[in-house]
PDB file of N, CA and C in Angstrom:
ATOM      1  N   UNK A   1     145.497  13.736  56.363  1.00  0.00           N
ATOM      2  CA  UNK A   1     145.016  14.072  57.703  1.00  0.00           C
ATOM      3  C   UNK A   1     145.711  15.341  58.175  1.00  0.00           C
ATOM      4  N   UNK A   2     145.003  16.191  58.860  1.00  0.00           N
ATOM      5  CA  UNK A   2     145.545  17.465  59.318  1.00  0.00           C
ATOM      6  C   UNK A   2     146.484  17.302  60.503  1.00  0.00           C
ATOM      7  N   UNK A   3     147.096  18.379  60.860  1.00  0.00           N
ATOM      8  CA  UNK A   3     148.053  18.387  61.964  1.00  0.00           C
ATOM      9  C   UNK A   3     147.308  18.444  63.301  1.00  0.00           C
ATOM     10  N   UNK A   4     147.753  17.646  64.266  1.00  0.00           N
ATOM     11  CA  UNK A   4     147.166  17.682  65.604  1.00  0.00           C
ATOM     12  C   UNK A   4     147.666  18.920  66.329  1.00  0.00           C
ATOM     13  N   UNK A   5     146.763  19.700  66.881  1.00  0.00           N
ATOM     14  CA  UNK A   5     147.156  20.977  67.485  1.00  0.00           C
ATOM     15  C   UNK A   5     147.023  21.005  68.999  1.00  0.00           C
ATOM     16  N   UNK A   6     146.090  20.285  69.581  1.00  0.00           N
ATOM     17  CA  UNK A   6     145.894  20.266  71.029  1.00  0.00           C
ATOM     18  C   UNK A   6     145.816  21.681  71.595  1.00  0.00           C
ATOM     19  N   UNK A   7     144.863  22.470  71.131  1.00  0.00           N
ATOM     20  CA  UNK A   7     144.685  23.826  71.615  1.00  0.00           C
ATOM     21  C   UNK A   7     143.398  23.909  72.415  1.00  0.00           C
ATOM     22  N   UNK A   8     143.406  24.760  73.438  1.00  0.00           N
ATOM     23  CA  UNK A   8     142.229  24.930  74.272  1.00  0.00           C
ATOM     24  C   UNK A   8     142.240  26.331  74.885  1.00  0.00           C
ATOM     25  N   UNK A   9     141.069  26.898  75.202  1.00  0.00           N
ATOM     26  CA  UNK A   9     141.039  28.184  75.905  1.00  0.00           C
ATOM     27  C   UNK A   9     141.556  28.002  77.340  1.00  0.00           C
ATOM     28  N   UNK A  10     142.434  28.891  77.750  1.00  0.00           N
ATOM     29  CA  UNK A  10     143.020  28.845  79.089  1.00  0.00           C
ATOM     30  C   UNK A  10     142.882  30.199  79.749  1.00  0.00           C
ATOM     31  N   UNK A  11     143.157  30.242  81.061  1.00  0.00           N
ATOM     32  CA  UNK A  11     143.129  31.503  81.812  1.00  0.00           C
ATOM     33  C   UNK A  11     144.374  31.580  82.680  1.00  0.00           C
ATOM     34  N   UNK A  12     145.076  32.708  82.629  1.00  0.00           N
ATOM     35  CA  UNK A  12     146.257  32.930  83.456  1.00  0.00           C
ATOM     36  C   UNK A  12     145.822  33.048  84.918  1.00  0.00           C
ATOM     37  N   UNK A  13     146.490  32.312  85.809  1.00  0.00           N
ATOM     38  CA  UNK A  13     146.132  32.355  87.218  1.00  0.00           C
ATOM     39  C   UNK A  13     146.625  33.627  87.901  1.00  0.00           C
ATOM     40  N   UNK A  14     147.598  34.314  87.303  1.00  0.00           N
ATOM     41  CA  UNK A  14     148.127  35.535  87.906  1.00  0.00           C
ATOM     42  C   UNK A  14     147.278  36.757  87.552  1.00  0.00           C
ATOM     43  N   UNK A  15     147.029  36.976  86.244  1.00  0.00           N
ATOM     44  CA  UNK A  15     146.328  38.189  85.805  1.00  0.00           C
ATOM     45  C   UNK A  15     144.908  37.916  85.316  1.00  0.00           C
ATOM     46  N   UNK A  16     144.485  36.651  85.283  1.00  0.00           N
ATOM     47  CA  UNK A  16     143.151  36.215  84.878  1.00  0.00           C
ATOM     48  C   UNK A  16     142.807  36.565  83.428  1.00  0.00           C
ATOM     49  N   UNK A  17     143.819  36.711  82.582  1.00  0.00           N
ATOM     50  CA  UNK A  17     143.595  36.966  81.162  1.00  0.00           C
ATOM     51  C   UNK A  17     143.310  35.652  80.459  1.00  0.00           C
ATOM     52  N   UNK A  18     142.308  35.642  79.577  1.00  0.00           N
ATOM     53  CA  UNK A  18     141.979  34.444  78.804  1.00  0.00           C
ATOM     54  C   UNK A  18     142.772  34.440  77.508  1.00  0.00           C
ATOM     55  N   UNK A  19     143.206  33.251  77.091  1.00  0.00           N
ATOM     56  CA  UNK A  19     143.945  33.111  75.844  1.00  0.00           C
ATOM     57  C   UNK A  19     143.786  31.689  75.344  1.00  0.00           C
ATOM     58  N   UNK A  20     144.135  31.475  74.085  1.00  0.00           N
ATOM     59  CA  UNK A  20     144.112  30.132  73.516  1.00  0.00           C
ATOM     60  C   UNK A  20     145.552  29.662  73.438  1.00  0.00           C
ATOM     61  N   UNK A  21     145.835  28.511  74.029  1.00  0.00           N
ATOM     62  CA  UNK A  21     147.205  28.009  74.071  1.00  0.00           C
ATOM     63  C   UNK A  21     147.261  26.523  73.800  1.00  0.00           C
ATOM     64  N   UNK A  22     148.442  26.069  73.459  1.00  0.00           N
ATOM     65  CA  UNK A  22     148.645  24.643  73.215  1.00  0.00           C
ATOM     66  C   UNK A  22     148.780  23.919  74.553  1.00  0.00           C
ATOM     67  N   UNK A  23     148.093  22.822  74.695  1.00  0.00           N
ATOM     68  CA  UNK A  23     148.172  22.036  75.921  1.00  0.00           C
ATOM     69  C   UNK A  23     149.160  20.892  75.807  1.00  0.00           C
ATOM     70  N   UNK A  24     149.617  20.610  74.597  1.00  0.00           N
ATOM     71  CA  UNK A  24     150.611  19.562  74.375  1.00  0.00           C
ATOM     72  C   UNK A  24     151.608  20.078  73.352  1.00  0.00           C
ATOM     73  N   UNK A  25     152.858  20.184  73.747  1.00  0.00           N
ATOM     74  CA  UNK A  25     153.903  20.716  72.877  1.00  0.00           C
ATOM     75  C   UNK A  25     154.831  19.572  72.501  1.00  0.00           C
ATOM     76  N   UNK A  26     154.913  19.253  71.222  1.00  0.00           N
ATOM     77  CA  UNK A  26     155.720  18.120  70.760  1.00  0.00           C
ATOM     78  C   UNK A  26     157.196  18.296  71.089  1.00  0.00           C
ATOM     79  N   UNK A  27     157.699  19.532  71.023  1.00  0.00           N
ATOM     80  CA  UNK A  27     159.118  19.783  71.276  1.00  0.00           C
ATOM     81  C   UNK A  27     159.506  19.508  72.724  1.00  0.00           C
ATOM     82  N   UNK A  28     158.552  19.606  73.649  1.00  0.00           N
ATOM     83  CA  UNK A  28     158.845  19.400  75.063  1.00  0.00           C
ATOM     84  C   UNK A  28     159.080  17.931  75.416  1.00  0.00           C
ATOM     85  N   UNK A  29     158.827  17.017  74.504  1.00  0.00           N
ATOM     86  CA  UNK A  29     159.080  15.600  74.772  1.00  0.00           C
ATOM     87  C   UNK A  29     160.571  15.300  74.926  1.00  0.00           C
ATOM     88  N   UNK A  30     161.412  16.204  74.442  1.00  0.00           N
ATOM     89  CA  UNK A  30     162.860  15.994  74.501  1.00  0.00           C
ATOM     90  C   UNK A  30     163.484  16.509  75.795  1.00  0.00           C
ATOM     91  N   UNK A  31     162.696  17.089  76.695  1.00  0.00           N
ATOM     92  CA  UNK A  31     163.218  17.692  77.906  1.00  0.00           C
ATOM     93  C   UNK A  31     162.693  16.982  79.153  1.00  0.00           C
ATOM     94  N   UNK A  32     163.478  17.039  80.227  1.00  0.00           N
ATOM     95  CA  UNK A  32     163.106  16.408  81.495  1.00  0.00           C
ATOM     96  C   UNK A  32     161.991  17.200  82.171  1.00  0.00           C
ATOM     97  N   UNK A  33     161.122  16.477  82.844  1.00  0.00           N
ATOM     98  CA  UNK A  33     160.028  17.077  83.622  1.00  0.00           C
ATOM     99  C   UNK A  33     160.049  16.499  85.024  1.00  0.00           C
ATOM    100  N   UNK A  34     159.609  17.293  85.982  1.00  0.00           N
ATOM    101  CA  UNK A  34     159.451  16.785  87.348  1.00  0.00           C
ATOM    102  C   UNK A  34     158.311  15.767  87.340  1.00  0.00           C
ATOM    103  N   UNK A  35     158.520  14.580  87.908  1.00  0.00           N
ATOM    104  CA  UNK A  35     157.453  13.570  87.914  1.00  0.00           C
ATOM    105  C   UNK A  35     156.225  13.971  88.729  1.00  0.00           C
ATOM    106  N   UNK A  36     156.367  14.918  89.646  1.00  0.00           N
ATOM    107  CA  UNK A  36     155.245  15.298  90.508  1.00  0.00           C
ATOM    108  C   UNK A  36     154.466  16.484  89.924  1.00  0.00           C
ATOM    109  N   UNK A  37     155.166  17.597  89.669  1.00  0.00           N
ATOM    110  CA  UNK A  37     154.464  18.817  89.258  1.00  0.00           C
ATOM    111  C   UNK A  37     154.604  19.133  87.772  1.00  0.00           C
ATOM    112  N   UNK A  38     155.357  18.351  87.023  1.00  0.00           N
ATOM    113  CA  UNK A  38     155.524  18.482  85.577  1.00  0.00           C
ATOM    114  C   UNK A  38     156.241  19.758  85.143  1.00  0.00           C
ATOM    115  N   UNK A  39     156.935  20.443  86.048  1.00  0.00           N
ATOM    116  CA  UNK A  39     157.695  21.640  85.671  1.00  0.00           C
ATOM    117  C   UNK A  39     158.981  21.248  84.971  1.00  0.00           C
ATOM    118  N   UNK A  40     159.489  22.170  84.153  1.00  0.00           N
ATOM    119  CA  UNK A  40     160.702  21.889  83.400  1.00  0.00           C
ATOM    120  C   UNK A  40     161.855  22.816  83.765  1.00  0.00           C
ATOM    121  N   UNK A  41     161.684  23.717  84.744  1.00  0.00           N
ATOM    122  CA  UNK A  41     162.811  24.521  85.213  1.00  0.00           C
ATOM    123  C   UNK A  41     163.410  23.808  86.424  1.00  0.00           C
ATOM    124  N   UNK A  42     164.562  23.203  86.204  1.00  0.00           N
ATOM    125  CA  UNK A  42     165.156  22.278  87.164  1.00  0.00           C
ATOM    126  C   UNK A  42     166.562  22.706  87.562  1.00  0.00           C
ATOM    127  N   UNK A  43     166.979  22.295  88.743  1.00  0.00           N
ATOM    128  CA  UNK A  43     168.346  22.434  89.214  1.00  0.00           C
ATOM    129  C   UNK A  43     169.028  21.082  89.146  1.00  0.00           C
ATOM    130  N   UNK A  44     170.346  21.083  89.242  1.00  0.00           N
ATOM    131  CA  UNK A  44     171.088  19.830  89.343  1.00  0.00           C
ATOM    132  C   UNK A  44     171.353  19.551  90.822  1.00  0.00           C
ATOM    133  N   UNK A  45     171.539  18.295  91.185  1.00  0.00           N
ATOM    134  CA  UNK A  45     171.909  17.944  92.556  1.00  0.00           C
ATOM    135  C   UNK A  45     173.102  17.010  92.512  1.00  0.00           C
ATOM    136  N   UNK A  46     173.852  17.022  93.597  1.00  0.00           N
ATOM    137  CA  UNK A  46     175.042  16.183  93.692  1.00  0.00           C
ATOM    138  C   UNK A  46     174.818  15.102  94.726  1.00  0.00           C
ATOM    139  N   UNK A  47     175.680  14.126  94.740  1.00  0.00           N
ATOM    140  CA  UNK A  47     175.583  13.059  95.728  1.00  0.00           C
ATOM    141  C   UNK A  47     175.940  13.510  97.132  1.00  0.00           C
ATOM    142  N   UNK A  48     176.546  14.693  97.261  1.00  0.00           N
ATOM    143  CA  UNK A  48     176.919  15.201  98.588  1.00  0.00           C
ATOM    144  C   UNK A  48     175.695  15.582  99.399  1.00  0.00           C
ATOM    145  N   UNK A  49     174.678  16.128  98.744  1.00  0.00           N
ATOM    146  CA  UNK A  49     173.502  16.597  99.468  1.00  0.00           C
ATOM    147  C   UNK A  49     172.401  15.537  99.555  1.00  0.00           C
ATOM    148  N   UNK A  50     172.419  14.580  98.676  1.00  0.00           N
ATOM    149  CA  UNK A  50     171.385  13.536  98.651  1.00  0.00           C
ATOM    150  C   UNK A  50     172.108  12.207  98.515  1.00  0.00           C
ATOM    151  N   UNK A  51     172.440  11.587  99.658  1.00  0.00           N
ATOM    152  CA  UNK A  51     173.358  10.454  99.653  1.00  0.00           C
ATOM    153  C   UNK A  51     172.688   9.096  99.508  1.00  0.00           C
ATOM    154  N   UNK A  52     171.409   8.986  99.777  1.00  0.00           N
ATOM    155  CA  UNK A  52     170.752   7.680  99.730  1.00  0.00           C
ATOM    156  C   UNK A  52     169.508   7.736  98.831  1.00  0.00           C
ATOM    157  N   UNK A  53     169.700   7.814  97.499  1.00  0.00           N
ATOM    158  CA  UNK A  53     168.530   7.885  96.614  1.00  0.00           C
ATOM    159  C   UNK A  53     167.827   6.538  96.521  1.00  0.00           C
ATOM    160  N   UNK A  54     166.564   6.525  96.096  1.00  0.00           N
ATOM    161  CA  UNK A  54     165.853   5.262  95.887  1.00  0.00           C
ATOM    162  C   UNK A  54     166.570   4.406  94.835  1.00  0.00           C
ATOM    163  N   UNK A  55     166.272   3.125  94.840  1.00  0.00           N
ATOM    164  CA  UNK A  55     166.971   2.169  93.984  1.00  0.00           C
ATOM    165  C   UNK A  55     166.914   2.555  92.514  1.00  0.00           C
ATOM    166  N   UNK A  56     165.715   2.902  92.009  1.00  0.00           N
ATOM    167  CA  UNK A  56     165.579   3.204  90.581  1.00  0.00           C
ATOM    168  C   UNK A  56     166.332   4.460  90.194  1.00  0.00           C
ATOM    169  N   UNK A  57     166.366   5.450  91.077  1.00  0.00           N
ATOM    170  CA  UNK A  57     167.112   6.676  90.797  1.00  0.00           C
ATOM    171  C   UNK A  57     168.602   6.364  90.744  1.00  0.00           C
ATOM    172  N   UNK A  58     169.085   5.587  91.706  1.00  0.00           N
ATOM    173  CA  UNK A  58     170.504   5.212  91.727  1.00  0.00           C
ATOM    174  C   UNK A  58     170.868   4.385  90.493  1.00  0.00           C
ATOM    175  N   UNK A  59     169.974   3.508  90.075  1.00  0.00           N
ATOM    176  CA  UNK A  59     170.233   2.690  88.891  1.00  0.00           C
ATOM    177  C   UNK A  59     170.326   3.560  87.633  1.00  0.00           C
ATOM    178  N   UNK A  60     169.414   4.501  87.498  1.00  0.00           N
ATOM    179  CA  UNK A  60     169.460   5.405  86.350  1.00  0.00           C
ATOM    180  C   UNK A  60     170.750   6.214  86.331  1.00  0.00           C
ATOM    181  N   UNK A  61     171.183   6.688  87.503  1.00  0.00           N
ATOM    182  CA  UNK A  61     172.404   7.493  87.590  1.00  0.00           C
ATOM    183  C   UNK A  61     173.616   6.662  87.188  1.00  0.00           C
ATOM    184  N   UNK A  62     173.669   5.399  87.623  1.00  0.00           N
ATOM    185  CA  UNK A  62     174.803   4.550  87.242  1.00  0.00           C
ATOM    186  C   UNK A  62     174.787   4.231  85.751  1.00  0.00           C
ATOM    187  N   UNK A  63     173.617   4.309  85.115  1.00  0.00           N
ATOM    188  CA  UNK A  63     173.517   4.065  83.678  1.00  0.00           C
ATOM    189  C   UNK A  63     173.776   5.329  82.863  1.00  0.00           C
ATOM    190  N   UNK A  64     174.017   6.469  83.540  1.00  0.00           N
ATOM    191  CA  UNK A  64     174.365   7.696  82.837  1.00  0.00           C
ATOM    192  C   UNK A  64     173.306   8.774  82.818  1.00  0.00           C
ATOM    193  N   UNK A  65     172.256   8.627  83.601  1.00  0.00           N
ATOM    194  CA  UNK A  65     171.204   9.645  83.636  1.00  0.00           C
ATOM    195  C   UNK A  65     171.697  10.891  84.368  1.00  0.00           C
ATOM    196  N   UNK A  66     171.096  12.003  84.027  1.00  0.00           N
ATOM    197  CA  UNK A  66     171.417  13.262  84.703  1.00  0.00           C
ATOM    198  C   UNK A  66     170.604  13.356  85.986  1.00  0.00           C
ATOM    199  N   UNK A  67     171.176  14.043  86.983  1.00  0.00           N
ATOM    200  CA  UNK A  67     170.509  14.203  88.277  1.00  0.00           C
ATOM    201  C   UNK A  67     169.857  15.584  88.329  1.00  0.00           C
ATOM    202  N   UNK A  68     168.534  15.612  88.454  1.00  0.00           N
ATOM    203  CA  UNK A  68     167.783  16.861  88.495  1.00  0.00           C
ATOM    204  C   UNK A  68     167.040  17.002  89.810  1.00  0.00           C
ATOM    205  N   UNK A  69     166.785  18.266  90.196  1.00  0.00           N
ATOM    206  CA  UNK A  69     166.023  18.577  91.406  1.00  0.00           C
ATOM    207  C   UNK A  69     164.975  19.621  91.066  1.00  0.00           C
ATOM    208  N   UNK A  70     163.736  19.341  91.467  1.00  0.00           N
ATOM    209  CA  UNK A  70     162.652  20.314  91.333  1.00  0.00           C
ATOM    210  C   UNK A  70     162.558  21.076  92.648  1.00  0.00           C
ATOM    211  N   UNK A  71     162.799  22.380  92.597  1.00  0.00           N
ATOM    212  CA  UNK A  71     162.777  23.189  93.824  1.00  0.00           C
ATOM    213  C   UNK A  71     161.357  23.477  94.295  1.00  0.00           C
ATOM    214  N   UNK A  72     160.378  23.379  93.408  1.00  0.00           N
ATOM    215  CA  UNK A  72     158.994  23.661  93.794  1.00  0.00           C
ATOM    216  C   UNK A  72     158.445  22.564  94.703  1.00  0.00           C
ATOM    217  N   UNK A  73     158.665  21.310  94.329  1.00  0.00           N
ATOM    218  CA  UNK A  73     158.164  20.211  95.162  1.00  0.00           C
ATOM    219  C   UNK A  73     159.291  19.496  95.911  1.00  0.00           C
ATOM    220  N   UNK A  74     160.526  19.989  95.779  1.00  0.00           N
ATOM    221  CA  UNK A  74     161.697  19.501  96.507  1.00  0.00           C
ATOM    222  C   UNK A  74     161.967  18.025  96.249  1.00  0.00           C
ATOM    223  N   UNK A  75     161.885  17.630  95.002  1.00  0.00           N
ATOM    224  CA  UNK A  75     162.083  16.242  94.613  1.00  0.00           C
ATOM    225  C   UNK A  75     163.385  16.095  93.836  1.00  0.00           C
ATOM    226  N   UNK A  76     164.213  15.122  94.236  1.00  0.00           N
ATOM    227  CA  UNK A  76     165.407  14.760  93.484  1.00  0.00           C
ATOM    228  C   UNK A  76     165.071  13.545  92.638  1.00  0.00           C
ATOM    229  N   UNK A  77     165.401  13.616  91.344  1.00  0.00           N
ATOM    230  CA  UNK A  77     165.116  12.504  90.447  1.00  0.00           C
ATOM    231  C   UNK A  77     166.180  12.443  89.361  1.00  0.00           C
ATOM    232  N   UNK A  78     166.173  11.397  88.576  1.00  0.00           N
ATOM    233  CA  UNK A  78     167.135  11.226  87.486  1.00  0.00           C
ATOM    234  C   UNK A  78     166.379  11.062  86.175  1.00  0.00           C
ATOM    235  N   UNK A  79     166.965  11.623  85.108  1.00  0.00           N
ATOM    236  CA  UNK A  79     166.359  11.521  83.793  1.00  0.00           C
ATOM    237  C   UNK A  79     167.464  11.510  82.747  1.00  0.00           C
ATOM    238  N   UNK A  80     167.216  10.808  81.654  1.00  0.00           N
ATOM    239  CA  UNK A  80     168.170  10.769  80.563  1.00  0.00           C
ATOM    240  C   UNK A  80     168.017  11.982  79.638  1.00  0.00           C
ATOM    241  N   UNK A  81     166.990  12.767  79.866  1.00  0.00           N
ATOM    242  CA  UNK A  81     166.739  13.948  79.048  1.00  0.00           C
ATOM    243  C   UNK A  81     167.431  15.165  79.646  1.00  0.00           C
ATOM    244  N   UNK A  82     167.718  16.149  78.811  1.00  0.00           N
ATOM    245  CA  UNK A  82     168.324  17.384  79.294  1.00  0.00           C
ATOM    246  C   UNK A  82     167.228  18.308  79.824  1.00  0.00           C
ATOM    247  N   UNK A  83     167.643  19.320  80.596  1.00  0.00           N
ATOM    248  CA  UNK A  83     166.643  20.255  81.120  1.00  0.00           C
ATOM    249  C   UNK A  83     166.390  21.364  80.123  1.00  0.00           C
ATOM    250  N   UNK A  84     165.176  21.872  80.143  1.00  0.00           N
ATOM    251  CA  UNK A  84     164.799  22.936  79.217  1.00  0.00           C
ATOM    252  C   UNK A  84     165.205  24.294  79.761  1.00  0.00           C
ATOM    253  N   UNK A  85     165.049  24.482  81.064  1.00  0.00           N
ATOM    254  CA  UNK A  85     165.284  25.785  81.667  1.00  0.00           C
ATOM    255  C   UNK A  85     165.949  25.609  83.022  1.00  0.00           C
ATOM    256  N   UNK A  86     166.884  26.497  83.328  1.00  0.00           N
ATOM    257  CA  UNK A  86     167.570  26.461  84.615  1.00  0.00           C
ATOM    258  C   UNK A  86     166.698  27.175  85.642  1.00  0.00           C
ATOM    259  N   UNK A  87     166.514  26.562  86.796  1.00  0.00           N
ATOM    260  CA  UNK A  87     165.719  27.154  87.862  1.00  0.00           C
ATOM    261  C   UNK A  87     166.491  28.300  88.505  1.00  0.00           C
ATOM    262  N   UNK A  88     165.786  29.414  88.806  1.00  0.00           N
ATOM    263  CA  UNK A  88     166.370  30.510  89.579  1.00  0.00           C
ATOM    264  C   UNK A  88     165.389  30.919  90.666  1.00  0.00           C
ATOM    265  N   UNK A  89     165.912  31.245  91.842  1.00  0.00           N
ATOM    266  CA  UNK A  89     165.046  31.660  92.937  1.00  0.00           C
ATOM    267  C   UNK A  89     164.414  33.019  92.654  1.00  0.00           C
ATOM    268  N   UNK A  90     165.077  33.856  91.870  1.00  0.00           N
ATOM    269  CA  UNK A  90     164.512  35.158  91.511  1.00  0.00           C
ATOM    270  C   UNK A  90     163.221  34.967  90.719  1.00  0.00           C
ATOM    271  N   UNK A  91     163.241  34.049  89.766  1.00  0.00           N
ATOM    272  CA  UNK A  91     162.035  33.764  88.974  1.00  0.00           C
ATOM    273  C   UNK A  91     160.962  33.115  89.844  1.00  0.00           C
ATOM    274  N   UNK A  92     161.352  32.267  90.770  1.00  0.00           N
ATOM    275  CA  UNK A  92     160.409  31.596  91.658  1.00  0.00           C
ATOM    276  C   UNK A  92     159.655  32.607  92.507  1.00  0.00           C
ATOM    277  N   UNK A  93     160.388  33.567  93.071  1.00  0.00           N
ATOM    278  CA  UNK A  93     159.728  34.586  93.900  1.00  0.00           C
ATOM    279  C   UNK A  93     158.813  35.474  93.068  1.00  0.00           C
ATOM    280  N   UNK A  94     159.209  35.742  91.819  1.00  0.00           N
ATOM    281  CA  UNK A  94     158.431  36.648  90.983  1.00  0.00           C
ATOM    282  C   UNK A  94     157.201  35.974  90.388  1.00  0.00           C
ATOM    283  N   UNK A  95     157.338  34.725  89.900  1.00  0.00           N
ATOM    284  CA  UNK A  95     156.247  34.078  89.175  1.00  0.00           C
ATOM    285  C   UNK A  95     155.641  32.875  89.883  1.00  0.00           C
ATOM    286  N   UNK A  96     156.426  32.140  90.660  1.00  0.00           N
ATOM    287  CA  UNK A  96     155.973  30.863  91.195  1.00  0.00           C
ATOM    288  C   UNK A  96     154.921  30.948  92.269  1.00  0.00           C
ATOM    289  N   UNK A  97     155.063  31.854  93.200  1.00  0.00           N
ATOM    290  CA  UNK A  97     154.181  31.884  94.354  1.00  0.00           C
ATOM    291  C   UNK A  97     152.745  32.292  94.034  1.00  0.00           C
ATOM    292  N   UNK A  98     152.466  33.387  93.286  1.00  0.00           N
ATOM    293  CA  UNK A  98     151.075  33.787  93.074  1.00  0.00           C
ATOM    294  C   UNK A  98     150.232  32.758  92.343  1.00  0.00           C
ATOM    295  N   UNK A  99     150.783  32.046  91.392  1.00  0.00           N
ATOM    296  CA  UNK A  99     149.992  31.105  90.617  1.00  0.00           C
ATOM    297  C   UNK A  99     149.624  29.865  91.418  1.00  0.00           C
ATOM    298  N   UNK A 100     150.299  29.628  92.535  1.00  0.00           N
ATOM    299  CA  UNK A 100     150.016  28.441  93.323  1.00  0.00           C
ATOM    300  C   UNK A 100     149.003  28.690  94.430  1.00  0.00           C
ATOM    301  N   UNK A 101     148.542  29.931  94.567  1.00  0.00           N
ATOM    302  CA  UNK A 101     147.511  30.223  95.546  1.00  0.00           C
ATOM    303  C   UNK A 101     146.178  29.711  95.029  1.00  0.00           C
ATOM    304  N   UNK A 102     145.238  29.364  95.923  1.00  0.00           N
ATOM    305  CA  UNK A 102     143.940  28.874  95.450  1.00  0.00           C
ATOM    306  C   UNK A 102     143.182  29.961  94.689  1.00  0.00           C
ATOM    307  N   UNK A 103     142.430  29.539  93.702  1.00  0.00           N
ATOM    308  CA  UNK A 103     141.663  30.461  92.879  1.00  0.00           C
ATOM    309  C   UNK A 103     140.431  30.901  93.648  1.00  0.00           C
ATOM    310  N   UNK A 104     140.198  32.213  93.683  1.00  0.00           N
ATOM    311  CA  UNK A 104     139.026  32.753  94.368  1.00  0.00           C
ATOM    312  C   UNK A 104     137.961  33.076  93.329  1.00  0.00           C
ATOM    313  N   UNK A 105     136.774  32.564  93.526  1.00  0.00           N
ATOM    314  CA  UNK A 105     135.679  32.807  92.594  1.00  0.00           C
ATOM    315  C   UNK A 105     134.824  33.916  93.175  1.00  0.00           C
ATOM    316  N   UNK A 106     134.589  34.967  92.392  1.00  0.00           N
ATOM    317  CA  UNK A 106     133.775  36.092  92.859  1.00  0.00           C
ATOM    318  C   UNK A 106     132.410  36.037  92.198  1.00  0.00           C
ATOM    319  N   UNK A 107     131.433  36.630  92.842  1.00  0.00           N
ATOM    320  CA  UNK A 107     130.089  36.677  92.285  1.00  0.00           C
ATOM    321  C   UNK A 107     129.351  35.353  92.396  1.00  0.00           C
ATOM    322  N   UNK A 108     129.812  34.494  93.252  1.00  0.00           N
ATOM    323  CA  UNK A 108     129.188  33.182  93.394  1.00  0.00           C
ATOM    324  C   UNK A 108     128.150  33.259  94.508  1.00  0.00           C
ATOM    325  N   UNK A 109     126.941  32.809  94.228  1.00  0.00           N
ATOM    326  CA  UNK A 109     125.920  32.817  95.272  1.00  0.00           C
ATOM    327  C   UNK A 109     126.106  31.592  96.156  1.00  0.00           C
ATOM    328  N   UNK A 110     125.999  31.798  97.444  1.00  0.00           N
ATOM    329  CA  UNK A 110     126.167  30.680  98.365  1.00  0.00           C
ATOM    330  C   UNK A 110     124.802  30.151  98.771  1.00  0.00           C
ATOM    331  N   UNK A 111     124.718  28.871  99.093  1.00  0.00           N
ATOM    332  CA  UNK A 111     123.428  28.318  99.518  1.00  0.00           C
ATOM    333  C   UNK A 111     122.993  28.919 100.849  1.00  0.00           C
ATOM    334  N   UNK A 112     121.698  29.021 101.074  1.00  0.00           N
ATOM    335  CA  UNK A 112     121.223  29.587 102.329  1.00  0.00           C
ATOM    336  C   UNK A 112     121.664  28.742 103.525  1.00  0.00           C
ATOM    337  N   UNK A 113     122.043  29.421 104.583  1.00  0.00           N
ATOM    338  CA  UNK A 113     122.488  28.774 105.811  1.00  0.00           C
ATOM    339  C   UNK A 113     121.315  28.703 106.782  1.00  0.00           C
ATOM    340  N   UNK A 114     121.342  27.752 107.717  1.00  0.00           N
ATOM    341  CA  UNK A 114     120.220  27.636 108.664  1.00  0.00           C
ATOM    342  C   UNK A 114     120.056  28.867 109.548  1.00  0.00           C
ATOM    343  N   UNK A 115     121.120  29.641 109.798  1.00  0.00           N
ATOM    344  CA  UNK A 115     121.025  30.796 110.676  1.00  0.00           C
ATOM    345  C   UNK A 115     120.569  32.054 109.942  1.00  0.00           C
ATOM    346  N   UNK A 116     120.493  32.017 108.600  1.00  0.00           N
ATOM    347  CA  UNK A 116     120.106  33.196 107.824  1.00  0.00           C
ATOM    348  C   UNK A 116     118.622  33.493 108.023  1.00  0.00           C
ATOM    349  N   UNK A 117     118.293  34.784 108.128  1.00  0.00           N
ATOM    350  CA  UNK A 117     116.882  35.207 108.246  1.00  0.00           C
ATOM    351  C   UNK A 117     116.507  36.131 107.151  1.00  0.00           C
TER     352      UNK A 117
END
């Protein structure tokens, strides 16, 4: 049986360039992800700034999990996996904001409105 590749045509939200990319990367299974937005560039958090975590997060931390924070969705969570990339605000300002804006479709015909003549 051949190797599973999980490849699909994609489009960059910043420059609108089309490319073929992998949608599932086997190596990324070893790294922590934000449970909400699935990003892997994470910060660490301490108990000083977040003193009352949910029960499951506190339980994981007492069992030895690492404490991670996603700055994009502002979520503190715990994971036994290491982080892949350290979050920086410089990268966030440069790359994070434009890709999160809604996609504008051009050349789309709109349905006729009742006031149109």
